[in-house]
Amino acid sequence: MKSEVQKRPVRLAIMTISDSRTLENDTSGDALVKMATGDGHEVVERILVPDDIYRIRYEVSRWIIDPGVEAVITTGGTGLTGRDGTPEAVAPLLDRTIEGFGELFRYVSYKTVRTSTIASRAIGGVANGTFIFCLPGSTGACKDAWKGVLSDQLDINHRPCNLVELMPRLTES
């Protein structure tokens, strides 16, 4: 019989990056909040910012130094257009990248959007002990990322391993 460890909620901050959405019509952010809280996690802050690399970088940096935030999820700005700058905003902040996150996301996404997944520049990493995941802006992509990757990796009970069990060791030297 499988024994489960007690549930370990993760404190998340969620950022939607968009020049056209508002919090009232942000279905991607809504979906992330619903899935995260449905899995027992706590959303400590949710914001919407424009496609501006310095504003994105500022807000993510603020969360990186906040001990009350353990993981950041962004949605939007990972495409190929001139306004899509989320990877450029976030990558310089990362202490370590999680290459497997983007690779696995695109694999999971391929099942839904087929070859259109090549336009996604989803990235993941760690900065100051905080996990950061940058997702595409579509609601479907957010659902694919949560259900296909993040739900398991942010669950202390997922085996053989998960990201939550690494949290206490992320800042060790």
C-alpha atoms as a PDB file:
ATOM      1  CA  MET A   1       0.000   0.000   0.000  1.00  0.00           C
ATOM      2  CA  LYS A   2       1.310   3.432  -0.948  1.00  0.00           C
ATOM      3  CA  SER A   3       1.886   5.728   2.014  1.00  0.00           C
ATOM      4  CA  GLU A   4       1.486   9.422   1.412  1.00  0.00           C
ATOM      5  CA  VAL A   5       3.312  12.221   3.086  1.00  0.00           C
ATOM      6  CA  GLN A   6       1.157  14.943   4.544  1.00  0.00           C
ATOM      7  CA  LYS A   7       0.052  17.563   1.990  1.00  0.00           C
ATOM      8  CA  ARG A   8       2.603  20.359   1.635  1.00  0.00           C
ATOM      9  CA  PRO A   9       0.998  23.485   0.159  1.00  0.00           C
ATOM     10  CA  VAL A  10       3.301  25.676  -1.907  1.00  0.00           C
ATOM     11  CA  ARG A  11       2.960  29.469  -1.659  1.00  0.00           C
ATOM     12  CA  LEU A  12       2.586  30.724  -5.245  1.00  0.00           C
ATOM     13  CA  ALA A  13       2.627  34.107  -6.936  1.00  0.00           C
ATOM     14  CA  ILE A  14       0.937  34.310 -10.342  1.00  0.00           C
ATOM     15  CA  MET A  15       1.616  36.978 -12.959  1.00  0.00           C
ATOM     16  CA  THR A  16      -0.224  37.460 -16.228  1.00  0.00           C
ATOM     17  CA  ILE A  17       1.732  39.391 -18.832  1.00  0.00           C
ATOM     18  CA  SER A  18      -0.508  41.125 -21.337  1.00  0.00           C
ATOM     19  CA  ASP A  19      -1.167  44.446 -23.012  1.00  0.00           C
ATOM     20  CA  SER A  20      -4.783  43.528 -23.763  1.00  0.00           C
ATOM     21  CA  ARG A  21      -6.174  41.579 -20.786  1.00  0.00           C
ATOM     22  CA  THR A  22      -7.468  42.745 -17.446  1.00  0.00           C
ATOM     23  CA  LEU A  23      -7.868  40.747 -14.236  1.00  0.00           C
ATOM     24  CA  GLU A  24     -11.577  40.580 -15.061  1.00  0.00           C
ATOM     25  CA  ASN A  25     -11.042  38.741 -18.392  1.00  0.00           C
ATOM     26  CA  ASP A  26      -7.799  36.902 -17.637  1.00  0.00           C
ATOM     27  CA  THR A  27      -8.894  33.300 -18.181  1.00  0.00           C
ATOM     28  CA  SER A  28      -5.311  31.982 -18.036  1.00  0.00           C
ATOM     29  CA  GLY A  29      -4.615  33.502 -14.633  1.00  0.00           C
ATOM     30  CA  ASP A  30      -8.038  32.356 -13.436  1.00  0.00           C
ATOM     31  CA  ALA A  31      -7.292  28.794 -14.564  1.00  0.00           C
ATOM     32  CA  LEU A  32      -3.915  28.763 -12.794  1.00  0.00           C
ATOM     33  CA  VAL A  33      -5.451  30.033  -9.556  1.00  0.00           C
ATOM     34  CA  LYS A  34      -8.257  27.451  -9.754  1.00  0.00           C
ATOM     35  CA  MET A  35      -5.915  24.530 -10.496  1.00  0.00           C
ATOM     36  CA  ALA A  36      -3.342  25.564  -7.863  1.00  0.00           C
ATOM     37  CA  THR A  37      -5.866  26.115  -5.087  1.00  0.00           C
ATOM     38  CA  GLY A  38      -7.713  22.969  -6.146  1.00  0.00           C
ATOM     39  CA  ASP A  39      -4.486  21.056  -5.536  1.00  0.00           C
ATOM     40  CA  GLY A  40      -4.211  22.610  -2.057  1.00  0.00           C
ATOM     41  CA  HIS A  41      -1.673  25.352  -2.772  1.00  0.00           C
ATOM     42  CA  GLU A  42      -1.914  28.972  -1.641  1.00  0.00           C
ATOM     43  CA  VAL A  43      -1.878  31.841  -4.128  1.00  0.00           C
ATOM     44  CA  VAL A  44      -0.339  34.659  -2.087  1.00  0.00           C
ATOM     45  CA  GLU A  45      -0.457  37.252  -4.869  1.00  0.00           C
ATOM     46  CA  ARG A  46      -1.794  37.582  -8.383  1.00  0.00           C
ATOM     47  CA  ILE A  47      -1.043  40.498 -10.676  1.00  0.00           C
ATOM     48  CA  LEU A  48      -1.318  41.532 -14.311  1.00  0.00           C
ATOM     49  CA  VAL A  49       1.502  43.525 -15.924  1.00  0.00           C
ATOM     50  CA  PRO A  50       2.098  44.842 -19.446  1.00  0.00           C
ATOM     51  CA  ASP A  51       4.551  43.249 -21.891  1.00  0.00           C
ATOM     52  CA  ASP A  52       7.496  45.251 -20.585  1.00  0.00           C
ATOM     53  CA  ILE A  53      10.675  43.378 -19.679  1.00  0.00           C
ATOM     54  CA  TYR A  54      11.647  45.810 -16.918  1.00  0.00           C
ATOM     55  CA  ARG A  55       8.247  45.693 -15.235  1.00  0.00           C
ATOM     56  CA  ILE A  56       8.232  41.877 -15.485  1.00  0.00           C
ATOM     57  CA  ARG A  57      11.753  41.723 -14.076  1.00  0.00           C
ATOM     58  CA  TYR A  58      10.858  44.093 -11.232  1.00  0.00           C
ATOM     59  CA  GLU A  59       7.820  42.093 -10.113  1.00  0.00           C
ATOM     60  CA  VAL A  60       9.571  38.714 -10.379  1.00  0.00           C
ATOM     61  CA  SER A  61      12.568  40.140  -8.472  1.00  0.00           C
ATOM     62  CA  ARG A  62      10.242  41.374  -5.740  1.00  0.00           C
ATOM     63  CA  TRP A  63       8.858  37.851  -5.353  1.00  0.00           C
ATOM     64  CA  ILE A  64      12.313  36.252  -5.458  1.00  0.00           C
ATOM     65  CA  ILE A  65      13.328  38.150  -2.303  1.00  0.00           C
ATOM     66  CA  ASP A  66       9.981  37.598  -0.547  1.00  0.00           C
ATOM     67  CA  PRO A  67      10.267  34.621   1.849  1.00  0.00           C
ATOM     68  CA  GLY A  68       6.483  34.228   1.597  1.00  0.00           C
ATOM     69  CA  VAL A  69       6.725  33.224  -2.089  1.00  0.00           C
ATOM     70  CA  GLU A  70       8.094  29.772  -2.904  1.00  0.00           C
ATOM     71  CA  ALA A  71       7.205  29.593  -6.590  1.00  0.00           C
ATOM     72  CA  VAL A  72       6.312  32.072  -9.322  1.00  0.00           C
ATOM     73  CA  ILE A  73       4.220  31.214 -12.353  1.00  0.00           C
ATOM     74  CA  THR A  74       3.937  33.670 -15.210  1.00  0.00           C
ATOM     75  CA  THR A  75       1.611  33.368 -18.178  1.00  0.00           C
ATOM     76  CA  GLY A  76       2.126  35.287 -21.404  1.00  0.00           C
ATOM     77  CA  GLY A  77       4.966  36.795 -23.357  1.00  0.00           C
ATOM     78  CA  THR A  78       6.744  33.556 -24.284  1.00  0.00           C
ATOM     79  CA  GLY A  79       5.968  33.648 -28.009  1.00  0.00           C
ATOM     80  CA  LEU A  80       7.965  34.966 -30.936  1.00  0.00           C
ATOM     81  CA  THR A  81       6.518  38.427 -31.555  1.00  0.00           C
ATOM     82  CA  GLY A  82       8.316  41.662 -30.855  1.00  0.00           C
ATOM     83  CA  ARG A  83       6.327  42.228 -27.657  1.00  0.00           C
ATOM     84  CA  ASP A  84       7.053  38.733 -26.265  1.00  0.00           C
ATOM     85  CA  GLY A  85       9.882  39.354 -23.810  1.00  0.00           C
ATOM     86  CA  THR A  86       9.163  37.209 -20.774  1.00  0.00           C
ATOM     87  CA  PRO A  87      12.121  34.826 -21.252  1.00  0.00           C
ATOM     88  CA  GLU A  88      14.455  37.800 -21.780  1.00  0.00           C
ATOM     89  CA  ALA A  89      13.082  39.457 -18.635  1.00  0.00           C
ATOM     90  CA  VAL A  90      13.314  36.393 -16.403  1.00  0.00           C
ATOM     91  CA  ALA A  91      16.360  34.438 -17.637  1.00  0.00           C
ATOM     92  CA  PRO A  92      18.941  36.935 -16.245  1.00  0.00           C
ATOM     93  CA  LEU A  93      17.392  36.521 -12.783  1.00  0.00           C
ATOM     94  CA  LEU A  94      17.826  32.749 -12.657  1.00  0.00           C
ATOM     95  CA  ASP A  95      20.565  31.128 -10.601  1.00  0.00           C
ATOM     96  CA  ARG A  96      19.830  27.805 -12.306  1.00  0.00           C
ATOM     97  CA  THR A  97      17.713  26.890 -15.272  1.00  0.00           C
ATOM     98  CA  ILE A  98      15.483  23.838 -15.405  1.00  0.00           C
ATOM     99  CA  GLU A  99      15.906  22.912 -19.070  1.00  0.00           C
ATOM    100  CA  GLY A 100      13.668  19.891 -18.645  1.00  0.00           C
ATOM    101  CA  PHE A 101      10.694  22.087 -17.789  1.00  0.00           C
ATOM    102  CA  GLY A 102      10.484  23.771 -21.190  1.00  0.00           C
ATOM    103  CA  GLU A 103      11.253  20.523 -22.967  1.00  0.00           C
ATOM    104  CA  LEU A 104       8.587  18.590 -21.075  1.00  0.00           C
ATOM    105  CA  PHE A 105       6.045  21.385 -21.459  1.00  0.00           C
ATOM    106  CA  ARG A 106       6.505  21.353 -25.235  1.00  0.00           C
ATOM    107  CA  TYR A 107       6.130  17.553 -25.259  1.00  0.00           C
ATOM    108  CA  VAL A 108       2.894  17.761 -23.264  1.00  0.00           C
ATOM    109  CA  SER A 109       1.676  20.678 -25.389  1.00  0.00           C
ATOM    110  CA  TYR A 110       2.427  18.783 -28.606  1.00  0.00           C
ATOM    111  CA  LYS A 111      -0.382  16.372 -27.734  1.00  0.00           C
ATOM    112  CA  THR A 112      -2.815  19.318 -27.800  1.00  0.00           C
ATOM    113  CA  VAL A 113      -1.509  21.825 -30.367  1.00  0.00           C
ATOM    114  CA  ARG A 114       0.782  19.571 -32.373  1.00  0.00           C
ATOM    115  CA  THR A 115       3.670  21.375 -34.091  1.00  0.00           C
ATOM    116  CA  SER A 116       2.420  24.815 -33.003  1.00  0.00           C
ATOM    117  CA  THR A 117       4.282  24.132 -29.759  1.00  0.00           C
ATOM    118  CA  ILE A 118       7.547  25.162 -31.454  1.00  0.00           C
ATOM    119  CA  ALA A 119       6.483  28.801 -31.012  1.00  0.00           C
ATOM    120  CA  SER A 120       6.564  28.412 -27.213  1.00  0.00           C
ATOM    121  CA  ARG A 121       9.607  29.615 -25.310  1.00  0.00           C
ATOM    122  CA  ALA A 122       8.386  28.359 -21.928  1.00  0.00           C
ATOM    123  CA  ILE A 123      11.207  28.324 -19.382  1.00  0.00           C
ATOM    124  CA  GLY A 124      11.768  27.310 -15.780  1.00  0.00           C
ATOM    125  CA  GLY A 125      14.433  27.896 -13.198  1.00  0.00           C
ATOM    126  CA  VAL A 126      15.390  28.758  -9.639  1.00  0.00           C
ATOM    127  CA  ALA A 127      16.393  32.130  -8.211  1.00  0.00           C
ATOM    128  CA  ASN A 128      17.249  32.671  -4.534  1.00  0.00           C
ATOM    129  CA  GLY A 129      15.464  29.434  -3.647  1.00  0.00           C
ATOM    130  CA  THR A 130      12.288  30.381  -5.544  1.00  0.00           C
ATOM    131  CA  PHE A 131      11.042  28.274  -8.433  1.00  0.00           C
ATOM    132  CA  ILE A 132       9.999  30.262 -11.515  1.00  0.00           C
ATOM    133  CA  PHE A 133       7.958  28.914 -14.411  1.00  0.00           C
ATOM    134  CA  CYS A 134       7.120  31.034 -17.455  1.00  0.00           C
ATOM    135  CA  LEU A 135       4.179  29.713 -19.464  1.00  0.00           C
ATOM    136  CA  PRO A 136       2.514  30.797 -22.689  1.00  0.00           C
ATOM    137  CA  GLY A 137      -0.521  33.050 -22.375  1.00  0.00           C
ATOM    138  CA  SER A 138      -3.239  30.741 -23.634  1.00  0.00           C
ATOM    139  CA  THR A 139      -5.550  29.108 -21.139  1.00  0.00           C
ATOM    140  CA  GLY A 140      -4.993  25.748 -22.840  1.00  0.00           C
ATOM    141  CA  ALA A 141      -1.226  26.061 -22.441  1.00  0.00           C
ATOM    142  CA  CYS A 142      -1.622  26.895 -18.750  1.00  0.00           C
ATOM    143  CA  LYS A 143      -3.819  23.840 -18.274  1.00  0.00           C
ATOM    144  CA  ASP A 144      -1.326  21.648 -20.160  1.00  0.00           C
ATOM    145  CA  ALA A 145       1.551  22.950 -18.028  1.00  0.00           C
ATOM    146  CA  TRP A 146      -0.299  22.517 -14.744  1.00  0.00           C
ATOM    147  CA  LYS A 147      -1.835  19.128 -15.432  1.00  0.00           C
ATOM    148  CA  GLY A 148       1.138  17.738 -17.360  1.00  0.00           C
ATOM    149  CA  VAL A 149       4.070  19.022 -15.271  1.00  0.00           C
ATOM    150  CA  LEU A 150       3.477  21.390 -12.364  1.00  0.00           C
ATOM    151  CA  SER A 151       0.740  19.499 -10.527  1.00  0.00           C
ATOM    152  CA  ASP A 152       3.053  16.511 -10.024  1.00  0.00           C
ATOM    153  CA  GLN A 153       6.244  18.467  -9.419  1.00  0.00           C
ATOM    154  CA  LEU A 154       4.625  20.744  -6.826  1.00  0.00           C
ATOM    155  CA  ASP A 155       3.202  17.698  -4.989  1.00  0.00           C
ATOM    156  CA  ILE A 156       5.396  16.384  -2.161  1.00  0.00           C
ATOM    157  CA  ASN A 157       3.815  12.947  -2.657  1.00  0.00           C
ATOM    158  CA  HIS A 158       4.841  12.566  -6.311  1.00  0.00           C
ATOM    159  CA  ARG A 159       7.419   9.813  -6.796  1.00  0.00           C
ATOM    160  CA  PRO A 160      10.146   9.064  -7.567  1.00  0.00           C
ATOM    161  CA  CYS A 161      10.944  12.740  -6.925  1.00  0.00           C
ATOM    162  CA  ASN A 162       9.457  16.225  -6.986  1.00  0.00           C
ATOM    163  CA  LEU A 163      10.573  19.832  -6.712  1.00  0.00           C
ATOM    164  CA  VAL A 164       8.939  20.456  -3.329  1.00  0.00           C
ATOM    165  CA  GLU A 165      11.300  18.087  -1.521  1.00  0.00           C
ATOM    166  CA  LEU A 166      14.217  20.107  -2.912  1.00  0.00           C
ATOM    167  CA  MET A 167      12.977  23.431  -1.538  1.00  0.00           C
ATOM    168  CA  PRO A 168      14.825  23.287   1.803  1.00  0.00           C
ATOM    169  CA  ARG A 169      18.122  22.703  -0.034  1.00  0.00           C
ATOM    170  CA  LEU A 170      17.844  25.273  -2.840  1.00  0.00           C
ATOM    171  CA  THR A 171      19.921  27.933  -1.092  1.00  0.00           C
ATOM    172  CA  GLU A 172      22.531  25.716   0.525  1.00  0.00           C
ATOM    173  CA  SER A 173      26.158  26.425  -0.285  1.00  0.00           C
END
